C-alpha atoms as a PDB file:
ATOM      1  CA  MET A   1       2.243  16.979   1.149  1.00  0.00           C
ATOM      2  CA  VAL A   2      -0.939  15.708  -0.400  1.00  0.00           C
ATOM      3  CA  ASP A   3      -1.820  12.218   0.699  1.00  0.00           C
ATOM      4  CA  LEU A   4      -4.387  10.666  -1.685  1.00  0.00           C
ATOM      5  CA  ASP A   5      -6.284   7.595  -0.699  1.00  0.00           C
ATOM      6  CA  LEU A   6      -8.751   5.998  -3.147  1.00  0.00           C
ATOM      7  CA  GLU A   7     -11.846   4.486  -1.489  1.00  0.00           C
ATOM      8  CA  LYS A   8     -12.070   0.665  -2.200  1.00  0.00           C
ATOM      9  CA  PHE A   9     -10.076   1.108  -5.429  1.00  0.00           C
ATOM     10  CA  PHE A  10      -9.927  -2.496  -6.532  1.00  0.00           C
ATOM     11  CA  ASP A  11     -13.662  -2.990  -5.857  1.00  0.00           C
ATOM     12  CA  ARG A  12     -14.819   0.098  -7.774  1.00  0.00           C
ATOM     13  CA  VAL A  13     -12.651   0.258 -10.964  1.00  0.00           C
ATOM     14  CA  ASN A  14     -14.962   1.157 -13.900  1.00  0.00           C
ATOM     15  CA  HIS A  15     -14.629  -1.577 -16.497  1.00  0.00           C
ATOM     16  CA  ASP A  16     -15.435   0.716 -19.433  1.00  0.00           C
ATOM     17  CA  VAL A  17     -12.885   3.400 -18.451  1.00  0.00           C
ATOM     18  CA  LEU A  18     -10.232   0.669 -17.806  1.00  0.00           C
ATOM     19  CA  MET A  19     -10.840  -1.155 -21.103  1.00  0.00           C
ATOM     20  CA  ALA A  20     -10.716   2.071 -23.030  1.00  0.00           C
ATOM     21  CA  ARG A  21      -7.164   2.502 -21.720  1.00  0.00           C
ATOM     22  CA  VAL A  22      -6.150  -1.044 -22.341  1.00  0.00           C
ATOM     23  CA  ALA A  23      -7.403  -0.739 -25.876  1.00  0.00           C
ATOM     24  CA  ARG A  24      -4.933   2.092 -26.455  1.00  0.00           C
ATOM     25  CA  LYS A  25      -2.023  -0.435 -26.308  1.00  0.00           C
ATOM     26  CA  ILE A  26      -3.736  -3.674 -27.465  1.00  0.00           C
ATOM     27  CA  GLY A  27      -5.429  -3.980 -30.827  1.00  0.00           C
ATOM     28  CA  ASP A  28      -6.286  -7.707 -30.704  1.00  0.00           C
ATOM     29  CA  LYS A  29     -10.023  -7.906 -30.067  1.00  0.00           C
ATOM     30  CA  GLN A  30      -9.728 -11.513 -28.721  1.00  0.00           C
ATOM     31  CA  VAL A  31      -7.293 -10.468 -26.058  1.00  0.00           C
ATOM     32  CA  LEU A  32      -9.525  -7.443 -25.162  1.00  0.00           C
ATOM     33  CA  ARG A  33     -12.495  -9.792 -24.908  1.00  0.00           C
ATOM     34  CA  LEU A  34     -10.553 -12.190 -22.639  1.00  0.00           C
ATOM     35  CA  ILE A  35      -9.442  -9.289 -20.299  1.00  0.00           C
ATOM     36  CA  ARG A  36     -13.204  -8.119 -20.151  1.00  0.00           C
ATOM     37  CA  ARG A  37     -14.268 -11.643 -19.223  1.00  0.00           C
ATOM     38  CA  TYR A  38     -11.588 -11.736 -16.511  1.00  0.00           C
ATOM     39  CA  LEU A  39     -12.873  -8.435 -15.064  1.00  0.00           C
ATOM     40  CA  GLN A  40     -16.523  -9.646 -15.119  1.00  0.00           C
ATOM     41  CA  ALA A  41     -15.777 -13.106 -13.575  1.00  0.00           C
ATOM     42  CA  GLY A  42     -18.440 -13.879 -11.033  1.00  0.00           C
ATOM     43  CA  LEU A  43     -17.824 -13.106  -7.315  1.00  0.00           C
ATOM     44  CA  MET A  44     -18.806 -15.780  -4.708  1.00  0.00           C
ATOM     45  CA  THR A  45     -20.314 -14.397  -1.540  1.00  0.00           C
ATOM     46  CA  GLY A  46     -21.664 -16.772   1.081  1.00  0.00           C
ATOM     47  CA  GLY A  47     -21.672 -19.579  -1.434  1.00  0.00           C
ATOM     48  CA  ILE A  48     -23.674 -17.617  -4.038  1.00  0.00           C
ATOM     49  CA  VAL A  49     -22.150 -16.351  -7.301  1.00  0.00           C
ATOM     50  CA  THR A  50     -22.927 -12.848  -8.190  1.00  0.00           C
ATOM     51  CA  ALA A  51     -22.122 -10.875 -11.324  1.00  0.00           C
ATOM     52  CA  ARG A  52     -19.301  -8.346 -11.203  1.00  0.00           C
ATOM     53  CA  ASN A  53     -20.080  -4.995 -12.816  1.00  0.00           C
ATOM     54  CA  GLU A  54     -17.112  -3.023 -11.405  1.00  0.00           C
ATOM     55  CA  GLY A  55     -13.839  -3.710  -9.773  1.00  0.00           C
ATOM     56  CA  THR A  56     -11.002  -6.163 -10.441  1.00  0.00           C
ATOM     57  CA  PRO A  57     -10.579  -9.625  -8.732  1.00  0.00           C
ATOM     58  CA  GLN A  58      -8.271  -8.991  -5.735  1.00  0.00           C
ATOM     59  CA  GLY A  59      -5.385 -11.333  -5.604  1.00  0.00           C
ATOM     60  CA  GLY A  60      -5.534 -12.042  -9.289  1.00  0.00           C
ATOM     61  CA  PRO A  61      -2.373 -11.788 -11.338  1.00  0.00           C
ATOM     62  CA  LEU A  62      -3.696  -9.087 -13.704  1.00  0.00           C
ATOM     63  CA  SER A  63      -5.161  -6.789 -11.090  1.00  0.00           C
ATOM     64  CA  PRO A  64      -1.942  -4.904 -10.190  1.00  0.00           C
ATOM     65  CA  LEU A  65      -1.226  -4.441 -13.869  1.00  0.00           C
ATOM     66  CA  MET A  66      -4.727  -3.200 -14.519  1.00  0.00           C
ATOM     67  CA  SER A  67      -4.445  -0.695 -11.673  1.00  0.00           C
ATOM     68  CA  ASN A  68      -1.280   0.714 -13.192  1.00  0.00           C
ATOM     69  CA  ILE A  69      -2.733   0.939 -16.620  1.00  0.00           C
ATOM     70  CA  LEU A  70      -5.763   2.872 -15.174  1.00  0.00           C
ATOM     71  CA  LEU A  71      -3.762   5.164 -12.926  1.00  0.00           C
ATOM     72  CA  ASP A  72      -1.135   5.928 -15.633  1.00  0.00           C
ATOM     73  CA  ASP A  73      -3.405   8.810 -16.558  1.00  0.00           C
ATOM     74  CA  LEU A  74      -2.997  10.126 -13.060  1.00  0.00           C
ATOM     75  CA  ASP A  75       0.814   9.882 -13.438  1.00  0.00           C
ATOM     76  CA  LYS A  76       0.756  11.809 -16.722  1.00  0.00           C
ATOM     77  CA  GLU A  77      -1.506  14.468 -15.203  1.00  0.00           C
ATOM     78  CA  LEU A  78       0.909  14.941 -12.294  1.00  0.00           C
ATOM     79  CA  GLU A  79       3.900  15.063 -14.624  1.00  0.00           C
ATOM     80  CA  ARG A  80       2.067  17.604 -16.846  1.00  0.00           C
ATOM     81  CA  ARG A  81       1.530  19.842 -13.800  1.00  0.00           C
ATOM     82  CA  GLY A  82       5.230  19.500 -12.781  1.00  0.00           C
ATOM     83  CA  HIS A  83       4.479  17.946  -9.379  1.00  0.00           C
ATOM     84  CA  ALA A  84       6.912  15.746  -7.435  1.00  0.00           C
ATOM     85  CA  PHE A  85       4.961  12.660  -6.500  1.00  0.00           C
ATOM     86  CA  CYS A  86       5.279   8.912  -5.527  1.00  0.00           C
ATOM     87  CA  ARG A  87       2.632   6.427  -6.332  1.00  0.00           C
ATOM     88  CA  TYR A  88       2.332   2.686  -5.563  1.00  0.00           C
ATOM     89  CA  ALA A  89      -0.816   0.961  -6.947  1.00  0.00           C
ATOM     90  CA  ASP A  90      -3.668   3.108  -5.437  1.00  0.00           C
ATOM     91  CA  ASP A  91      -1.530   4.999  -2.789  1.00  0.00           C
ATOM     92  CA  CYS A  92      -0.143   8.341  -3.945  1.00  0.00           C
ATOM     93  CA  ASN A  93       1.680  11.157  -2.234  1.00  0.00           C
ATOM     94  CA  VAL A  94       2.196  14.513  -4.040  1.00  0.00           C
ATOM     95  CA  TYR A  95       4.933  16.779  -2.473  1.00  0.00           C
ATOM     96  CA  VAL A  96       4.363  20.511  -2.358  1.00  0.00           C
ATOM     97  CA  ARG A  97       6.008  23.414  -0.419  1.00  0.00           C
ATOM     98  CA  SER A  98       3.149  24.585   1.738  1.00  0.00           C
ATOM     99  CA  GLN A  99      -0.260  23.825   3.172  1.00  0.00           C
ATOM    100  CA  HIS A 100      -1.891  26.368   0.770  1.00  0.00           C
ATOM    101  CA  ALA A 101      -0.235  24.764  -2.195  1.00  0.00           C
ATOM    102  CA  GLY A 102      -1.420  21.259  -1.018  1.00  0.00           C
ATOM    103  CA  GLU A 103      -5.031  22.475  -0.747  1.00  0.00           C
ATOM    104  CA  ARG A 104      -4.789  24.040  -4.147  1.00  0.00           C
ATOM    105  CA  VAL A 105      -3.524  20.765  -5.600  1.00  0.00           C
ATOM    106  CA  MET A 106      -6.005  18.507  -3.772  1.00  0.00           C
ATOM    107  CA  ALA A 107      -9.146  19.948  -5.309  1.00  0.00           C
ATOM    108  CA  PRO A 108      -8.304  19.515  -9.062  1.00  0.00           C
ATOM    109  CA  LEU A 109      -6.766  16.130  -8.449  1.00  0.00           C
ATOM    110  CA  THR A 110      -9.976  14.943  -6.744  1.00  0.00           C
ATOM    111  CA  CYS A 111     -12.037  16.343  -9.607  1.00  0.00           C
ATOM    112  CA  PHE A 112      -9.699  14.535 -12.117  1.00  0.00           C
ATOM    113  CA  LEU A 113     -10.001  11.181 -10.384  1.00  0.00           C
ATOM    114  CA  THR A 114     -13.745  11.514 -10.018  1.00  0.00           C
ATOM    115  CA  GLU A 115     -14.751  12.781 -13.464  1.00  0.00           C
ATOM    116  CA  ARG A 116     -11.996  11.269 -15.754  1.00  0.00           C
ATOM    117  CA  LEU A 117     -11.310   7.907 -14.009  1.00  0.00           C
ATOM    118  CA  LYS A 118     -14.652   7.439 -12.211  1.00  0.00           C
ATOM    119  CA  LEU A 119     -12.912   6.819  -8.915  1.00  0.00           C
ATOM    120  CA  THR A 120     -13.796   7.924  -5.372  1.00  0.00           C
ATOM    121  CA  VAL A 121     -11.251   9.797  -3.130  1.00  0.00           C
ATOM    122  CA  ASN A 122     -11.604   8.848   0.432  1.00  0.00           C
ATOM    123  CA  GLY A 123     -12.016  12.124   2.233  1.00  0.00           C
ATOM    124  CA  ALA A 124     -11.513  10.661   5.603  1.00  0.00           C
ATOM    125  CA  LYS A 125      -8.126   9.108   4.856  1.00  0.00           C
ATOM    126  CA  SER A 126      -6.788  11.719   2.360  1.00  0.00           C
ATOM    127  CA  ALA A 127      -5.249  14.866   3.721  1.00  0.00           C
ATOM    128  CA  VAL A 128      -2.851  17.754   3.286  1.00  0.00           C
ATOM    129  CA  ASP A 129      -0.245  17.438   6.003  1.00  0.00           C
ATOM    130  CA  ARG A 130       3.423  17.335   6.939  1.00  0.00           C
ATOM    131  CA  PRO A 131       5.234  14.265   5.532  1.00  0.00           C
ATOM    132  CA  TRP A 132       6.405  13.167   8.980  1.00  0.00           C
ATOM    133  CA  ARG A 133       2.744  12.920  10.148  1.00  0.00           C
ATOM    134  CA  ARG A 134       1.665  10.649   7.271  1.00  0.00           C
ATOM    135  CA  ILE A 135       2.499   7.009   6.490  1.00  0.00           C
ATOM    136  CA  PHE A 136       3.251   5.735   3.070  1.00  0.00           C
ATOM    137  CA  LEU A 137       3.800   1.903   2.545  1.00  0.00           C
ATOM    138  CA  GLY A 138       4.682   1.469   6.200  1.00  0.00           C
ATOM    139  CA  TYR A 139       7.338   4.334   6.085  1.00  0.00           C
ATOM    140  CA  THR A 140       7.316   7.881   7.288  1.00  0.00           C
ATOM    141  CA  MET A 141       9.940  10.760   7.419  1.00  0.00           C
ATOM    142  CA  THR A 142      11.756  12.728   9.985  1.00  0.00           C
ATOM    143  CA  ALA A 143      11.139  16.372  10.537  1.00  0.00           C
ATOM    144  CA  HIS A 144      14.735  17.380   9.727  1.00  0.00           C
ATOM    145  CA  LYS A 145      15.628  20.030   7.203  1.00  0.00           C
ATOM    146  CA  ALA A 146      17.068  17.201   5.098  1.00  0.00           C
ATOM    147  CA  PRO A 147      14.361  14.517   5.816  1.00  0.00           C
ATOM    148  CA  ARG A 148      15.328  10.956   6.413  1.00  0.00           C
ATOM    149  CA  LEU A 149      13.240   7.866   5.792  1.00  0.00           C
ATOM    150  CA  ARG A 150      12.122   5.972   8.793  1.00  0.00           C
ATOM    151  CA  ILE A 151       9.831   3.092   9.733  1.00  0.00           C
ATOM    152  CA  ALA A 152       6.433   4.170  10.982  1.00  0.00           C
ATOM    153  CA  ALA A 153       5.705   3.451  14.597  1.00  0.00           C
ATOM    154  CA  SER A 154       2.488   1.668  13.561  1.00  0.00           C
ATOM    155  CA  SER A 155       4.383  -0.665  11.341  1.00  0.00           C
ATOM    156  CA  VAL A 156       6.687  -1.683  14.240  1.00  0.00           C
ATOM    157  CA  ALA A 157       3.677  -2.135  16.585  1.00  0.00           C
ATOM    158  CA  ARG A 158       1.948  -4.282  14.019  1.00  0.00           C
ATOM    159  CA  PHE A 159       5.028  -6.431  13.509  1.00  0.00           C
ATOM    160  CA  ARG A 160       5.506  -6.902  17.304  1.00  0.00           C
ATOM    161  CA  GLY A 161       1.886  -8.038  17.570  1.00  0.00           C
ATOM    162  CA  LYS A 162       2.477 -10.578  14.874  1.00  0.00           C
ATOM    163  CA  LEU A 163       5.554 -11.933  16.670  1.00  0.00           C
ATOM    164  CA  LYS A 164       3.954 -12.199  20.000  1.00  0.00           C
ATOM    165  CA  ALA A 165       1.862 -15.111  18.849  1.00  0.00           C
ATOM    166  CA  ALA A 166       5.027 -16.955  17.824  1.00  0.00           C
ATOM    167  CA  PHE A 167       6.600 -16.249  21.167  1.00  0.00           C
ATOM    168  CA  ARG A 168       3.615 -17.604  22.989  1.00  0.00           C
ATOM    169  CA  ALA A 169       3.668 -20.737  20.902  1.00  0.00           C
ATOM    170  CA  GLY A 170       7.415 -21.148  21.688  1.00  0.00           C
ATOM    171  CA  ARG A 171       7.051 -21.538  25.403  1.00  0.00           C
ATOM    172  CA  GLY A 172       6.810 -25.344  25.216  1.00  0.00           C
ATOM    173  CA  ARG A 173       9.261 -25.761  22.358  1.00  0.00           C
ATOM    174  CA  ALA A 174      13.039 -25.837  21.832  1.00  0.00           C
ATOM    175  CA  LEU A 175      14.400 -22.362  21.511  1.00  0.00           C
ATOM    176  CA  GLY A 176      16.145 -23.388  18.256  1.00  0.00           C
ATOM    177  CA  ALA A 177      12.869 -24.393  16.689  1.00  0.00           C
ATOM    178  CA  THR A 178      11.340 -20.985  17.606  1.00  0.00           C
ATOM    179  CA  ILE A 179      14.288 -19.133  16.186  1.00  0.00           C
ATOM    180  CA  LYS A 180      14.097 -21.217  12.947  1.00  0.00           C
ATOM    181  CA  ASP A 181      10.413 -20.240  12.450  1.00  0.00           C
ATOM    182  CA  LEU A 182      11.150 -16.603  13.229  1.00  0.00           C
ATOM    183  CA  THR A 183      14.170 -16.232  10.877  1.00  0.00           C
ATOM    184  CA  PRO A 184      12.367 -16.041   7.536  1.00  0.00           C
ATOM    185  CA  VAL A 185       9.656 -13.685   8.993  1.00  0.00           C
ATOM    186  CA  LEU A 186      12.456 -11.396  10.382  1.00  0.00           C
ATOM    187  CA  ARG A 187      14.457 -11.442   7.177  1.00  0.00           C
ATOM    188  CA  GLY A 188      11.457 -10.591   5.051  1.00  0.00           C
ATOM    189  CA  TRP A 189      10.478  -7.644   7.234  1.00  0.00           C
ATOM    190  CA  ILE A 190      14.034  -6.283   7.428  1.00  0.00           C
ATOM    191  CA  ALA A 191      14.437  -6.638   3.654  1.00  0.00           C
ATOM    192  CA  TYR A 192      11.308  -4.627   3.082  1.00  0.00           C
ATOM    193  CA  PHE A 193      12.385  -1.913   5.462  1.00  0.00           C
ATOM    194  CA  ARG A 194      16.038  -1.892   4.519  1.00  0.00           C
ATOM    195  CA  LEU A 195      15.683   1.642   3.045  1.00  0.00           C
ATOM    196  CA  THR A 196      15.270   3.212   6.526  1.00  0.00           C
ATOM    197  CA  ASP A 197      17.804   5.881   7.449  1.00  0.00           C
ATOM    198  CA  SER A 198      16.897   5.676  11.199  1.00  0.00           C
ATOM    199  CA  LYS A 199      18.582   2.686  12.802  1.00  0.00           C
ATOM    200  CA  GLY A 200      17.500   3.431  16.295  1.00  0.00           C
ATOM    201  CA  ILE A 201      14.093   1.728  15.709  1.00  0.00           C
ATOM    202  CA  LEU A 202      15.888  -1.441  14.500  1.00  0.00           C
ATOM    203  CA  GLU A 203      18.148  -1.424  17.553  1.00  0.00           C
ATOM    204  CA  ASP A 204      15.075  -1.180  19.901  1.00  0.00           C
ATOM    205  CA  LEU A 205      13.385  -3.959  18.032  1.00  0.00           C
ATOM    206  CA  ASP A 206      16.556  -6.114  18.327  1.00  0.00           C
ATOM    207  CA  GLY A 207      16.671  -5.568  22.138  1.00  0.00           C
ATOM    208  CA  TRP A 208      12.940  -6.449  22.459  1.00  0.00           C
ATOM    209  CA  LEU A 209      13.422  -9.667  20.442  1.00  0.00           C
ATOM    210  CA  ARG A 210      16.313 -10.740  22.595  1.00  0.00           C
ATOM    211  CA  ARG A 211      14.317 -10.064  25.825  1.00  0.00           C
ATOM    212  CA  ARG A 212      11.427 -12.154  24.547  1.00  0.00           C
ATOM    213  CA  LEU A 213      13.641 -15.093  23.688  1.00  0.00           C
ATOM    214  CA  ARG A 214      15.262 -14.843  27.124  1.00  0.00           C
ATOM    215  CA  CYS A 215      11.798 -14.991  28.664  1.00  0.00           C
ATOM    216  CA  ILE A 216      11.086 -18.239  26.839  1.00  0.00           C
ATOM    217  CA  LEU A 217      14.274 -19.705  28.396  1.00  0.00           C
ATOM    218  CA  TRP A 218      13.274 -18.411  31.899  1.00  0.00           C
ATOM    219  CA  ARG A 219       9.806 -19.907  31.693  1.00  0.00           C
ATOM    220  CA  GLN A 220      11.230 -23.247  30.575  1.00  0.00           C
END
């Protein structure tokens, strides 16, 4: 598998390259001018407004759309080459059969992104490796002959760390109030990771949650 990571993607999008691709679909010059002004909106750093020469405003409603418009060329290139791949915003995995095939794919893709789209591939985070050793959007895979989707251990650890603060705050509160605060957080996390095929991680997490709630009762 080829795991591609684009270095500071939203901060380094080339405006001219992006606008050229937007102009393929939009012929209205006023709309194009408005999008250009949106991209060039000033950036406030330390109370000082500075001009923006590259990148898209993070958190803006148009930024995800702009990223897909720009990286649509990458999708088309991967389809043209006949590769199996999965891309979400600036995260992309290309699935190949061997280490050698992955290394052969990595070089031209890096060249394509650098020369055609003016983007920088993060060499430290990009790699050719086994799918079960890499993490994609919080998920990883098992090493079975028929791989199964599973939640990455780092995703679980990060979630536990987030919940620990809520448990600490719940020591002096009614248990019902703590559960009420935790419920939407737990539902949102489970909804995101509902695609997992490995239920053992969820059973372990369930047991851990119950123990933490019992600890609150014991302390009280």
